[in-house]
Amino acid sequence: MQQQPNYQQGPPPQQPPADNGKLIAILSYCTLIGFIVAIVMHSSNKTRLGAYHLRQALGMLIFGFAGGISIMILALIIWPLAFLAPLFWIFMLILLIMGIVNAANEKETPVLLVGKLFEKMLASVFN
């Protein structure tokens, strides 16, 4: 009679940690395409962290678009004010870096100066 081999089972495989939306939060700041991908991902996995950073990123997109157009028009009318454009884009870059760092650290901290305004204006978006 042949003996059956004794297979010992190891510990059960560990479940991956629950996704808290960190990837969605980080992607929301990575270009318009990243923002759209983050929205699609958020629709199937709604998290508080993801929704918060999607709102902050949307506010930054709106602010960047409106501010960029406003500064271009202002610079065309009053050409010495053209120096404002690089300052505005440096400010936007600082906001972007702050948003990514906060998302990577899983913090729900508003971006500098305008983040609180985004929280109020976009409170009902991405819930």
C-alpha atoms as a PDB file:
ATOM      1  CA  MET A   1       0.000   0.000   0.000  1.00  0.00           C
ATOM      2  CA  GLN A   2       1.331   3.397  -0.996  1.00  0.00           C
ATOM      3  CA  GLN A   3       1.399   6.208   1.539  1.00  0.00           C
ATOM      4  CA  GLN A   4      -0.003   9.572   0.720  1.00  0.00           C
ATOM      5  CA  PRO A   5       2.564  12.374   1.001  1.00  0.00           C
ATOM      6  CA  ASN A   6       1.989  14.636   3.961  1.00  0.00           C
ATOM      7  CA  TYR A   7       1.528  18.166   2.697  1.00  0.00           C
ATOM      8  CA  GLN A   8       1.569  20.680   5.448  1.00  0.00           C
ATOM      9  CA  GLN A   9      -0.163  23.859   4.747  1.00  0.00           C
ATOM     10  CA  GLY A  10       1.546  27.055   5.740  1.00  0.00           C
ATOM     11  CA  PRO A  11      -0.224  30.027   7.188  1.00  0.00           C
ATOM     12  CA  PRO A  12      -3.105  31.350   5.113  1.00  0.00           C
ATOM     13  CA  PRO A  13      -2.123  34.031   2.615  1.00  0.00           C
ATOM     14  CA  GLN A  14      -2.361  37.496   4.057  1.00  0.00           C
ATOM     15  CA  GLN A  15      -4.959  39.805   2.666  1.00  0.00           C
ATOM     16  CA  PRO A  16      -3.584  43.012   1.215  1.00  0.00           C
ATOM     17  CA  PRO A  17      -4.344  46.037   3.370  1.00  0.00           C
ATOM     18  CA  ALA A  18      -7.588  47.773   2.568  1.00  0.00           C
ATOM     19  CA  ASP A  19      -7.163  50.486  -0.029  1.00  0.00           C
ATOM     20  CA  ASN A  20      -7.755  53.814   1.623  1.00  0.00           C
ATOM     21  CA  GLY A  21      -7.636  55.819  -1.609  1.00  0.00           C
ATOM     22  CA  LYS A  22      -3.969  56.818  -1.497  1.00  0.00           C
ATOM     23  CA  LEU A  23      -3.379  55.929  -5.154  1.00  0.00           C
ATOM     24  CA  ILE A  24      -6.480  57.854  -6.213  1.00  0.00           C
ATOM     25  CA  ALA A  25      -5.357  60.828  -4.131  1.00  0.00           C
ATOM     26  CA  ILE A  26      -1.897  60.904  -5.719  1.00  0.00           C
ATOM     27  CA  LEU A  27      -3.172  60.315  -9.273  1.00  0.00           C
ATOM     28  CA  SER A  28      -5.622  63.192  -8.991  1.00  0.00           C
ATOM     29  CA  TYR A  29      -2.709  65.653  -9.117  1.00  0.00           C
ATOM     30  CA  CYS A  30      -0.902  63.989 -12.050  1.00  0.00           C
ATOM     31  CA  THR A  31      -2.046  65.890 -15.157  1.00  0.00           C
ATOM     32  CA  LEU A  32      -5.536  65.999 -16.562  1.00  0.00           C
ATOM     33  CA  ILE A  33      -5.303  62.361 -17.673  1.00  0.00           C
ATOM     34  CA  GLY A  34      -4.302  61.283 -14.159  1.00  0.00           C
ATOM     35  CA  PHE A  35      -7.215  63.275 -12.780  1.00  0.00           C
ATOM     36  CA  ILE A  36      -9.651  61.510 -15.130  1.00  0.00           C
ATOM     37  CA  VAL A  37      -8.189  58.088 -14.265  1.00  0.00           C
ATOM     38  CA  ALA A  38      -8.527  58.951 -10.556  1.00  0.00           C
ATOM     39  CA  ILE A  39     -12.207  59.850 -11.073  1.00  0.00           C
ATOM     40  CA  VAL A  40     -12.858  56.508 -12.796  1.00  0.00           C
ATOM     41  CA  MET A  41     -11.037  54.610 -10.046  1.00  0.00           C
ATOM     42  CA  HIS A  42     -12.893  56.575  -7.366  1.00  0.00           C
ATOM     43  CA  SER A  43     -16.264  55.672  -8.885  1.00  0.00           C
ATOM     44  CA  SER A  44     -15.647  52.008  -8.082  1.00  0.00           C
ATOM     45  CA  ASN A  45     -13.770  52.514  -4.786  1.00  0.00           C
ATOM     46  CA  LYS A  46     -15.065  55.562  -2.943  1.00  0.00           C
ATOM     47  CA  THR A  47     -12.846  56.659  -0.079  1.00  0.00           C
ATOM     48  CA  ARG A  48     -12.757  59.789   1.984  1.00  0.00           C
ATOM     49  CA  LEU A  49      -9.075  60.453   1.204  1.00  0.00           C
ATOM     50  CA  GLY A  50      -9.586  60.007  -2.525  1.00  0.00           C
ATOM     51  CA  ALA A  51     -12.628  62.282  -2.592  1.00  0.00           C
ATOM     52  CA  TYR A  52     -10.825  64.988  -0.601  1.00  0.00           C
ATOM     53  CA  HIS A  53      -7.835  65.097  -2.936  1.00  0.00           C
ATOM     54  CA  LEU A  54     -10.020  64.901  -6.037  1.00  0.00           C
ATOM     55  CA  ARG A  55     -11.790  68.037  -4.787  1.00  0.00           C
ATOM     56  CA  GLN A  56      -8.477  69.793  -4.089  1.00  0.00           C
ATOM     57  CA  ALA A  57      -7.118  68.811  -7.526  1.00  0.00           C
ATOM     58  CA  LEU A  58     -10.322  69.947  -9.258  1.00  0.00           C
ATOM     59  CA  GLY A  59     -10.071  73.281  -7.469  1.00  0.00           C
ATOM     60  CA  MET A  60      -6.477  73.610  -8.615  1.00  0.00           C
ATOM     61  CA  LEU A  61      -7.445  72.808 -12.215  1.00  0.00           C
ATOM     62  CA  ILE A  62     -10.184  75.444 -12.192  1.00  0.00           C
ATOM     63  CA  PHE A  63      -7.942  77.977 -10.426  1.00  0.00           C
ATOM     64  CA  GLY A  64      -5.039  77.313 -12.799  1.00  0.00           C
ATOM     65  CA  PHE A  65      -7.205  77.606 -15.893  1.00  0.00           C
ATOM     66  CA  ALA A  66      -9.008  80.769 -14.773  1.00  0.00           C
ATOM     67  CA  GLY A  67      -5.867  82.346 -13.336  1.00  0.00           C
ATOM     68  CA  GLY A  68      -3.801  81.575 -16.420  1.00  0.00           C
ATOM     69  CA  ILE A  69      -6.358  83.121 -18.767  1.00  0.00           C
ATOM     70  CA  SER A  70      -6.796  86.148 -16.495  1.00  0.00           C
ATOM     71  CA  ILE A  71      -3.066  86.790 -16.327  1.00  0.00           C
ATOM     72  CA  MET A  72      -2.698  86.419 -20.115  1.00  0.00           C
ATOM     73  CA  ILE A  73      -5.461  88.969 -20.701  1.00  0.00           C
ATOM     74  CA  LEU A  74      -4.024  91.303 -18.072  1.00  0.00           C
ATOM     75  CA  ALA A  75      -0.545  91.002 -19.600  1.00  0.00           C
ATOM     76  CA  LEU A  76      -1.932  91.800 -23.070  1.00  0.00           C
ATOM     77  CA  ILE A  77      -3.670  94.920 -21.787  1.00  0.00           C
ATOM     78  CA  ILE A  78      -0.928  96.105 -19.449  1.00  0.00           C
ATOM     79  CA  TRP A  79       2.273  94.531 -20.795  1.00  0.00           C
ATOM     80  CA  PRO A  80       4.526  95.439 -17.811  1.00  0.00           C
ATOM     81  CA  LEU A  81       2.395  93.023 -15.731  1.00  0.00           C
ATOM     82  CA  ALA A  82       3.569  90.097 -17.853  1.00  0.00           C
ATOM     83  CA  PHE A  83       6.009  89.208 -15.038  1.00  0.00           C
ATOM     84  CA  LEU A  84       3.014  87.904 -13.091  1.00  0.00           C
ATOM     85  CA  ALA A  85       2.633  84.861 -15.347  1.00  0.00           C
ATOM     86  CA  PRO A  86       5.810  83.044 -14.218  1.00  0.00           C
ATOM     87  CA  LEU A  87       5.025  83.894 -10.590  1.00  0.00           C
ATOM     88  CA  PHE A  88       1.538  82.436 -10.963  1.00  0.00           C
ATOM     89  CA  TRP A  89       2.849  79.188 -12.500  1.00  0.00           C
ATOM     90  CA  ILE A  90       5.508  78.867  -9.784  1.00  0.00           C
ATOM     91  CA  PHE A  91       2.717  79.256  -7.220  1.00  0.00           C
ATOM     92  CA  MET A  92       0.691  76.572  -9.015  1.00  0.00           C
ATOM     93  CA  LEU A  93       3.722  74.249  -8.989  1.00  0.00           C
ATOM     94  CA  ILE A  94       4.083  74.771  -5.230  1.00  0.00           C
ATOM     95  CA  LEU A  95       0.382  73.934  -4.769  1.00  0.00           C
ATOM     96  CA  LEU A  96       0.797  70.809  -6.897  1.00  0.00           C
ATOM     97  CA  ILE A  97       3.783  69.602  -4.873  1.00  0.00           C
ATOM     98  CA  MET A  98       1.943  70.293  -1.612  1.00  0.00           C
ATOM     99  CA  GLY A  99      -1.063  68.315  -2.839  1.00  0.00           C
ATOM    100  CA  ILE A 100       1.030  65.317  -3.889  1.00  0.00           C
ATOM    101  CA  VAL A 101       2.964  65.311  -0.595  1.00  0.00           C
ATOM    102  CA  ASN A 102      -0.262  65.503   1.431  1.00  0.00           C
ATOM    103  CA  ALA A 103      -1.795  62.697  -0.650  1.00  0.00           C
ATOM    104  CA  ALA A 104       1.294  60.504  -0.273  1.00  0.00           C
ATOM    105  CA  ASN A 105       1.263  61.064   3.507  1.00  0.00           C
ATOM    106  CA  GLU A 106      -2.495  60.323   3.594  1.00  0.00           C
ATOM    107  CA  LYS A 107      -3.283  63.752   5.042  1.00  0.00           C
ATOM    108  CA  GLU A 108      -6.417  65.726   4.332  1.00  0.00           C
ATOM    109  CA  THR A 109      -4.714  69.103   4.491  1.00  0.00           C
ATOM    110  CA  PRO A 110      -5.814  71.940   2.185  1.00  0.00           C
ATOM    111  CA  VAL A 111      -3.258  73.423  -0.184  1.00  0.00           C
ATOM    112  CA  LEU A 112      -1.719  76.805   0.563  1.00  0.00           C
ATOM    113  CA  LEU A 113      -3.978  79.899   0.550  1.00  0.00           C
ATOM    114  CA  VAL A 114      -6.758  78.579  -1.720  1.00  0.00           C
ATOM    115  CA  GLY A 115      -7.364  75.061  -0.367  1.00  0.00           C
ATOM    116  CA  LYS A 116      -9.963  76.173   2.189  1.00  0.00           C
ATOM    117  CA  LEU A 117     -11.858  77.932  -0.594  1.00  0.00           C
ATOM    118  CA  PHE A 118     -11.819  74.702  -2.639  1.00  0.00           C
ATOM    119  CA  GLU A 119     -13.194  72.812   0.383  1.00  0.00           C
ATOM    120  CA  LYS A 120     -16.153  75.206   0.639  1.00  0.00           C
ATOM    121  CA  MET A 121     -16.875  75.531  -3.080  1.00  0.00           C
ATOM    122  CA  LEU A 122     -16.570  71.830  -3.930  1.00  0.00           C
ATOM    123  CA  ALA A 123     -17.913  70.258  -0.722  1.00  0.00           C
ATOM    124  CA  SER A 124     -20.585  68.197  -2.484  1.00  0.00           C
ATOM    125  CA  VAL A 125     -18.416  66.938  -5.375  1.00  0.00           C
ATOM    126  CA  PHE A 126     -17.080  63.332  -5.425  1.00  0.00           C
ATOM    127  CA  ASN A 127     -19.057  62.148  -2.409  1.00  0.00           C
END
